[in-house]
Amino acid sequence: MLLKKEFTFDAAHRLERYRGKCEALHGHTYRLAVTLKGHRDDDDMVFDFTELKKLVTAKVLDRLDHAYLNDVMDQPTAENIALWVWDELDGEVNRPNCKLHTVQVWETATSSVIVDREDAESR
């Protein structure tokens, strides 16, 4: 089974190694989807949605919402944000019955990146 929870956060950034309008300071309302893959546990759940929300809030949203992302990570592209989120959550959400499956970050309503374990491990 795949279990997915979505979040939003607002943040500013600039892409210092990019030539174009995104090299200037600007902001986005980002959308984030965290997907776990697994099977039901003794409570018949892959993962408790309330616990997942608390983890994502503490590990990700509290650090990124209304932040200047360049202070948090180097070159905060959607790709690098997704990898950063992966690193923050991977050890926190893995259980005997489930593992982190994908992290998806939308920079706009129509532009997103999806990171999976293979992407995270091939860096």
Foldseek 3Di string as FASTA:
>chain_A
DKDKDKDWAKEWEAQCPDPDPRNDIDMFTKMKMWIKDFAQDPVRDLDDPVVVVVQCCVQPRVPGHHYHCVVVDHRPDLVVSQLSSCVSPQVPNDDPGIGTAWMKMDRDPPDIDIDGPVNNVVD
